[in-house]
All heavy atoms as atom14 arrays in JSON, in Angstrom:
{
  "sequence": "PLTYVTSEPYIGHLGLGGVGDSKSMLESELR",
  "atom14_mask": [
    [1, 1, 1, 1, 1, 1, 1, 0, 0, 0, 0, 0, 0, 0],
    [1, 1, 1, 1, 1, 1, 1, 1, 0, 0, 0, 0, 0, 0],
    [1, 1, 1, 1, 1, 1, 1, 0, 0, 0, 0, 0, 0, 0],
    [1, 1, 1, 1, 1, 1, 1, 1, 1, 1, 1, 1, 0, 0],
    [1, 1, 1, 1, 1, 1, 1, 0, 0, 0, 0, 0, 0, 0],
    [1, 1, 1, 1, 1, 1, 1, 0, 0, 0, 0, 0, 0, 0],
    [1, 1, 1, 1, 1, 1, 0, 0, 0, 0, 0, 0, 0, 0],
    [1, 1, 1, 1, 1, 1, 1, 1, 1, 0, 0, 0, 0, 0],
    [1, 1, 1, 1, 1, 1, 1, 0, 0, 0, 0, 0, 0, 0],
    [1, 1, 1, 1, 1, 1, 1, 1, 1, 1, 1, 1, 0, 0],
    [1, 1, 1, 1, 1, 1, 1, 1, 0, 0, 0, 0, 0, 0],
    [1, 1, 1, 1, 0, 0, 0, 0, 0, 0, 0, 0, 0, 0],
    [1, 1, 1, 1, 1, 1, 1, 1, 1, 1, 0, 0, 0, 0],
    [1, 1, 1, 1, 1, 1, 1, 1, 0, 0, 0, 0, 0, 0],
    [1, 1, 1, 1, 0, 0, 0, 0, 0, 0, 0, 0, 0, 0],
    [1, 1, 1, 1, 1, 1, 1, 1, 0, 0, 0, 0, 0, 0],
    [1, 1, 1, 1, 0, 0, 0, 0, 0, 0, 0, 0, 0, 0],
    [1, 1, 1, 1, 0, 0, 0, 0, 0, 0, 0, 0, 0, 0],
    [1, 1, 1, 1, 1, 1, 1, 0, 0, 0, 0, 0, 0, 0],
    [1, 1, 1, 1, 0, 0, 0, 0, 0, 0, 0, 0, 0, 0],
    [1, 1, 1, 1, 1, 1, 1, 1, 0, 0, 0, 0, 0, 0],
    [1, 1, 1, 1, 1, 1, 0, 0, 0, 0, 0, 0, 0, 0],
    [1, 1, 1, 1, 1, 1, 1, 1, 1, 0, 0, 0, 0, 0],
    [1, 1, 1, 1, 1, 1, 0, 0, 0, 0, 0, 0, 0, 0],
    [1, 1, 1, 1, 1, 1, 1, 1, 0, 0, 0, 0, 0, 0],
    [1, 1, 1, 1, 1, 1, 1, 1, 0, 0, 0, 0, 0, 0],
    [1, 1, 1, 1, 1, 1, 1, 1, 1, 0, 0, 0, 0, 0],
    [1, 1, 1, 1, 1, 1, 0, 0, 0, 0, 0, 0, 0, 0],
    [1, 1, 1, 1, 1, 1, 1, 1, 1, 0, 0, 0, 0, 0],
    [1, 1, 1, 1, 1, 1, 1, 1, 0, 0, 0, 0, 0, 0],
    [1, 1, 1, 1, 1, 1, 1, 1, 1, 1, 1, 0, 0, 0]
  ],
  "atom14_positions": [
    [[-5.44, 22.69, -3.61], [-4.91, 24.0, -3.2], [-3.67, 23.8, -2.32], [-3.75, 23.09, -1.31], [-6.06, 24.63, -2.42], [-7.28, 23.85, -2.81], [-6.82, 22.47, -3.12], [0.0, 0.0, 0.0], [0.0, 0.0, 0.0], [0.0, 0.0, 0.0], [0.0, 0.0, 0.0], [0.0, 0.0, 0.0], [0.0, 0.0, 0.0], [0.0, 0.0, 0.0]],
    [[-2.56, 24.42, -2.72], [-1.3, 24.27, -1.99], [-0.95, 25.57, -1.3], [-0.94, 26.63, -1.91], [-0.17, 23.89, -2.95], [0.21, 22.42, -3.09], [1.24, 22.24, -4.2], [0.78, 21.89, -1.8], [0.0, 0.0, 0.0], [0.0, 0.0, 0.0], [0.0, 0.0, 0.0], [0.0, 0.0, 0.0], [0.0, 0.0, 0.0], [0.0, 0.0, 0.0]],
    [[-0.63, 25.49, 0.0], [-0.18, 26.65, 0.76], [1.16, 26.35, 1.4], [1.34, 25.31, 2.04], [-1.19, 27.02, 1.87], [-2.49, 27.22, 1.29], [-0.76, 28.31, 2.57], [0.0, 0.0, 0.0], [0.0, 0.0, 0.0], [0.0, 0.0, 0.0], [0.0, 0.0, 0.0], [0.0, 0.0, 0.0], [0.0, 0.0, 0.0], [0.0, 0.0, 0.0]],
    [[2.11, 27.27, 1.2], [3.44, 27.16, 1.79], [3.48, 28.05, 3.03], [3.3, 29.27, 2.94], [4.52, 27.56, 0.78], [5.92, 27.4, 1.3], [6.52, 26.15, 1.36], [6.65, 28.49, 1.75], [7.81, 25.99, 1.85], [7.94, 28.34, 2.24], [8.51, 27.08, 2.29], [9.78, 26.92, 2.78], [0.0, 0.0, 0.0], [0.0, 0.0, 0.0]],
    [[3.71, 27.46, 4.18], [3.7, 28.16, 5.47], [5.1, 28.11, 6.05], [5.66, 27.03, 6.26], [2.7, 27.51, 6.44], [2.77, 28.18, 7.81], [1.28, 27.6, 5.88], [0.0, 0.0, 0.0], [0.0, 0.0, 0.0], [0.0, 0.0, 0.0], [0.0, 0.0, 0.0], [0.0, 0.0, 0.0], [0.0, 0.0, 0.0], [0.0, 0.0, 0.0]],
    [[5.69, 29.28, 6.33], [7.08, 29.29, 6.78], [7.34, 30.36, 7.83], [6.74, 31.45, 7.79], [8.03, 29.51, 5.58], [9.38, 29.54, 6.05], [7.72, 30.79, 4.84], [0.0, 0.0, 0.0], [0.0, 0.0, 0.0], [0.0, 0.0, 0.0], [0.0, 0.0, 0.0], [0.0, 0.0, 0.0], [0.0, 0.0, 0.0], [0.0, 0.0, 0.0]],
    [[8.24, 30.05, 8.73], [8.66, 31.01, 9.74], [9.61, 32.06, 9.19], [9.94, 33.03, 9.89], [9.32, 30.28, 10.92], [10.31, 29.38, 10.46], [0.0, 0.0, 0.0], [0.0, 0.0, 0.0], [0.0, 0.0, 0.0], [0.0, 0.0, 0.0], [0.0, 0.0, 0.0], [0.0, 0.0, 0.0], [0.0, 0.0, 0.0], [0.0, 0.0, 0.0]],
    [[10.08, 31.89, 7.96], [10.97, 32.88, 7.34], [10.28, 34.25, 7.26], [9.08, 34.33, 7.04], [11.37, 32.46, 5.93], [12.1, 31.15, 5.8], [12.02, 30.64, 4.38], [11.03, 29.96, 4.04], [12.94, 30.96, 3.59], [0.0, 0.0, 0.0], [0.0, 0.0, 0.0], [0.0, 0.0, 0.0], [0.0, 0.0, 0.0], [0.0, 0.0, 0.0]],
    [[11.05, 35.34, 7.37], [10.44, 36.67, 7.25], [10.01, 37.0, 5.83], [9.17, 37.87, 5.62], [11.53, 37.62, 7.74], [12.81, 36.87, 7.53], [12.46, 35.43, 7.76], [0.0, 0.0, 0.0], [0.0, 0.0, 0.0], [0.0, 0.0, 0.0], [0.0, 0.0, 0.0], [0.0, 0.0, 0.0], [0.0, 0.0, 0.0], [0.0, 0.0, 0.0]],
    [[10.6, 36.33, 4.85], [10.2, 36.5, 3.45], [10.58, 35.26, 2.67], [11.43, 34.46, 3.1], [10.83, 37.76, 2.82], [12.35, 37.83, 2.93], [13.19, 37.17, 2.03], [12.94, 38.58, 3.94], [14.56, 37.24, 2.14], [14.32, 38.67, 4.05], [15.12, 38.0, 3.15], [16.51, 38.06, 3.26], [0.0, 0.0, 0.0], [0.0, 0.0, 0.0]],
    [[9.92, 35.07, 1.55], [10.22, 33.94, 0.69], [11.67, 34.05, 0.21], [12.12, 35.1, -0.23], [9.26, 33.89, -0.51], [7.84, 33.58, -0.04], [9.73, 32.89, -1.56], [7.69, 32.23, 0.63], [0.0, 0.0, 0.0], [0.0, 0.0, 0.0], [0.0, 0.0, 0.0], [0.0, 0.0, 0.0], [0.0, 0.0, 0.0], [0.0, 0.0, 0.0]],
    [[12.4, 32.92, 0.3], [13.79, 32.89, -0.13], [14.79, 33.32, 0.92], [15.98, 33.43, 0.62], [0.0, 0.0, 0.0], [0.0, 0.0, 0.0], [0.0, 0.0, 0.0], [0.0, 0.0, 0.0], [0.0, 0.0, 0.0], [0.0, 0.0, 0.0], [0.0, 0.0, 0.0], [0.0, 0.0, 0.0], [0.0, 0.0, 0.0], [0.0, 0.0, 0.0]],
    [[14.34, 33.57, 2.13], [15.26, 33.91, 3.21], [16.18, 32.73, 3.52], [17.4, 32.91, 3.72], [14.48, 34.32, 4.46], [15.33, 34.71, 5.63], [15.83, 33.8, 6.53], [15.76, 35.92, 6.06], [16.55, 34.43, 7.44], [16.51, 35.73, 7.19], [0.0, 0.0, 0.0], [0.0, 0.0, 0.0], [0.0, 0.0, 0.0], [0.0, 0.0, 0.0]],
    [[15.6, 31.53, 3.6], [16.33, 30.27, 3.74], [17.13, 30.15, 5.04], [18.0, 29.29, 5.17], [17.29, 30.07, 2.55], [16.63, 30.0, 1.16], [17.69, 30.11, 0.06], [15.83, 28.73, 1.02], [0.0, 0.0, 0.0], [0.0, 0.0, 0.0], [0.0, 0.0, 0.0], [0.0, 0.0, 0.0], [0.0, 0.0, 0.0], [0.0, 0.0, 0.0]],
    [[16.83, 31.01, 6.02], [17.62, 31.01, 7.25], [18.98, 31.64, 7.08], [19.81, 31.61, 8.0], [0.0, 0.0, 0.0], [0.0, 0.0, 0.0], [0.0, 0.0, 0.0], [0.0, 0.0, 0.0], [0.0, 0.0, 0.0], [0.0, 0.0, 0.0], [0.0, 0.0, 0.0], [0.0, 0.0, 0.0], [0.0, 0.0, 0.0], [0.0, 0.0, 0.0]],
    [[19.22, 32.24, 5.9], [20.53, 32.79, 5.56], [20.49, 34.27, 5.23], [21.5, 34.82, 4.77], [21.11, 32.03, 4.36], [21.43, 30.55, 4.58], [21.73, 29.86, 3.26], [22.6, 30.4, 5.54], [0.0, 0.0, 0.0], [0.0, 0.0, 0.0], [0.0, 0.0, 0.0], [0.0, 0.0, 0.0], [0.0, 0.0, 0.0], [0.0, 0.0, 0.0]],
    [[19.35, 34.91, 5.43], [19.22, 36.29, 5.0], [19.14, 36.42, 3.49], [19.45, 37.47, 2.91], [0.0, 0.0, 0.0], [0.0, 0.0, 0.0], [0.0, 0.0, 0.0], [0.0, 0.0, 0.0], [0.0, 0.0, 0.0], [0.0, 0.0, 0.0], [0.0, 0.0, 0.0], [0.0, 0.0, 0.0], [0.0, 0.0, 0.0], [0.0, 0.0, 0.0]],
    [[18.72, 35.34, 2.81], [18.68, 35.3, 1.36], [20.03, 34.97, 0.75], [21.07, 35.2, 1.37], [0.0, 0.0, 0.0], [0.0, 0.0, 0.0], [0.0, 0.0, 0.0], [0.0, 0.0, 0.0], [0.0, 0.0, 0.0], [0.0, 0.0, 0.0], [0.0, 0.0, 0.0], [0.0, 0.0, 0.0], [0.0, 0.0, 0.0], [0.0, 0.0, 0.0]],
    [[20.0, 34.41, -0.44], [21.21, 34.12, -1.19], [21.0, 34.6, -2.62], [20.12, 34.09, -3.33], [21.55, 32.62, -1.2], [22.82, 32.37, -2.0], [21.71, 32.08, 0.21], [0.0, 0.0, 0.0], [0.0, 0.0, 0.0], [0.0, 0.0, 0.0], [0.0, 0.0, 0.0], [0.0, 0.0, 0.0], [0.0, 0.0, 0.0], [0.0, 0.0, 0.0]],
    [[21.78, 35.58, -3.06], [21.59, 36.12, -4.4], [20.17, 36.61, -4.61], [19.63, 37.36, -3.78], [0.0, 0.0, 0.0], [0.0, 0.0, 0.0], [0.0, 0.0, 0.0], [0.0, 0.0, 0.0], [0.0, 0.0, 0.0], [0.0, 0.0, 0.0], [0.0, 0.0, 0.0], [0.0, 0.0, 0.0], [0.0, 0.0, 0.0], [0.0, 0.0, 0.0]],
    [[19.53, 36.17, -5.7], [18.17, 36.58, -6.03], [17.13, 35.57, -5.55], [16.08, 35.41, -6.17], [18.03, 36.76, -7.55], [18.88, 37.88, -8.08], [19.06, 38.87, -7.37], [19.37, 37.78, -9.23], [0.0, 0.0, 0.0], [0.0, 0.0, 0.0], [0.0, 0.0, 0.0], [0.0, 0.0, 0.0], [0.0, 0.0, 0.0], [0.0, 0.0, 0.0]],
    [[17.41, 34.87, -4.44], [16.52, 33.81, -3.99], [15.1, 34.32, -3.72], [14.13, 33.61, -4.0], [17.08, 33.14, -2.73], [17.29, 34.08, -1.68], [0.0, 0.0, 0.0], [0.0, 0.0, 0.0], [0.0, 0.0, 0.0], [0.0, 0.0, 0.0], [0.0, 0.0, 0.0], [0.0, 0.0, 0.0], [0.0, 0.0, 0.0], [0.0, 0.0, 0.0]],
    [[14.95, 35.52, -3.21], [13.62, 36.05, -2.9], [12.76, 36.17, -4.16], [11.67, 35.6, -4.25], [13.71, 37.41, -2.2], [12.36, 38.0, -1.8], [12.52, 39.32, -1.06], [11.18, 39.82, -0.51], [10.23, 40.17, -1.57], [0.0, 0.0, 0.0], [0.0, 0.0, 0.0], [0.0, 0.0, 0.0], [0.0, 0.0, 0.0], [0.0, 0.0, 0.0]],
    [[13.24, 36.91, -5.14], [12.45, 37.15, -6.34], [12.25, 35.87, -7.14], [11.15, 35.62, -7.67], [13.11, 38.22, -7.22], [14.42, 37.83, -7.61], [0.0, 0.0, 0.0], [0.0, 0.0, 0.0], [0.0, 0.0, 0.0], [0.0, 0.0, 0.0], [0.0, 0.0, 0.0], [0.0, 0.0, 0.0], [0.0, 0.0, 0.0], [0.0, 0.0, 0.0]],
    [[13.26, 35.02, -7.23], [13.16, 33.81, -8.03], [12.2, 32.8, -7.41], [11.39, 32.18, -8.12], [14.54, 33.19, -8.25], [15.45, 34.05, -9.11], [17.07, 33.29, -9.43], [16.6, 31.96, -10.52], [0.0, 0.0, 0.0], [0.0, 0.0, 0.0], [0.0, 0.0, 0.0], [0.0, 0.0, 0.0], [0.0, 0.0, 0.0], [0.0, 0.0, 0.0]],
    [[12.25, 32.63, -6.09], [11.35, 31.67, -5.45], [9.92, 32.21, -5.4], [8.96, 31.44, -5.54], [11.85, 31.31, -4.05], [13.06, 30.37, -4.03], [13.59, 30.21, -2.61], [12.69, 29.0, -4.61], [0.0, 0.0, 0.0], [0.0, 0.0, 0.0], [0.0, 0.0, 0.0], [0.0, 0.0, 0.0], [0.0, 0.0, 0.0], [0.0, 0.0, 0.0]],
    [[9.76, 33.51, -5.2], [8.42, 34.08, -5.28], [7.81, 33.86, -6.66], [6.64, 33.49, -6.79], [8.46, 35.58, -4.95], [8.55, 35.91, -3.47], [8.43, 37.39, -3.21], [8.46, 38.18, -4.19], [8.31, 37.79, -2.03], [0.0, 0.0, 0.0], [0.0, 0.0, 0.0], [0.0, 0.0, 0.0], [0.0, 0.0, 0.0], [0.0, 0.0, 0.0]],
    [[8.6, 34.09, -7.69], [8.13, 33.9, -9.05], [7.73, 32.45, -9.3], [6.7, 32.17, -9.92], [9.22, 34.32, -10.05], [8.82, 34.08, -11.38], [0.0, 0.0, 0.0], [0.0, 0.0, 0.0], [0.0, 0.0, 0.0], [0.0, 0.0, 0.0], [0.0, 0.0, 0.0], [0.0, 0.0, 0.0], [0.0, 0.0, 0.0], [0.0, 0.0, 0.0]],
    [[8.53, 31.52, -8.79], [8.23, 30.1, -8.98], [6.96, 29.7, -8.24], [6.13, 28.96, -8.76], [9.4, 29.26, -8.51], [9.33, 27.8, -8.93], [9.47, 27.58, -10.43], [10.02, 28.47, -11.11], [9.01, 26.53, -10.92], [0.0, 0.0, 0.0], [0.0, 0.0, 0.0], [0.0, 0.0, 0.0], [0.0, 0.0, 0.0], [0.0, 0.0, 0.0]],
    [[6.77, 30.19, -7.03], [5.56, 29.9, -6.28], [4.33, 30.45, -7.0], [3.3, 29.78, -7.11], [5.64, 30.47, -4.87], [6.62, 29.77, -3.91], [6.82, 30.61, -2.65], [6.12, 28.38, -3.52], [0.0, 0.0, 0.0], [0.0, 0.0, 0.0], [0.0, 0.0, 0.0], [0.0, 0.0, 0.0], [0.0, 0.0, 0.0], [0.0, 0.0, 0.0]],
    [[4.42, 31.68, -7.49], [3.31, 32.26, -8.24], [3.02, 31.45, -9.5], [1.86, 31.16, -9.83], [3.61, 33.71, -8.63], [3.6, 34.7, -7.48], [3.62, 36.13, -8.01], [3.79, 37.08, -6.91], [4.95, 37.6, -6.56], [6.07, 37.26, -7.22], [5.02, 38.45, -5.56], [0.0, 0.0, 0.0], [0.0, 0.0, 0.0], [0.0, 0.0, 0.0]]
  ]
}
């Protein structure tokens, strides 16, 4: 079982406020 734990406010934030579609694409990949 793999769990990704991050201080980011949402997946794909990357410390940059997101880049392009990073949120939806990384969420999809994790799922």
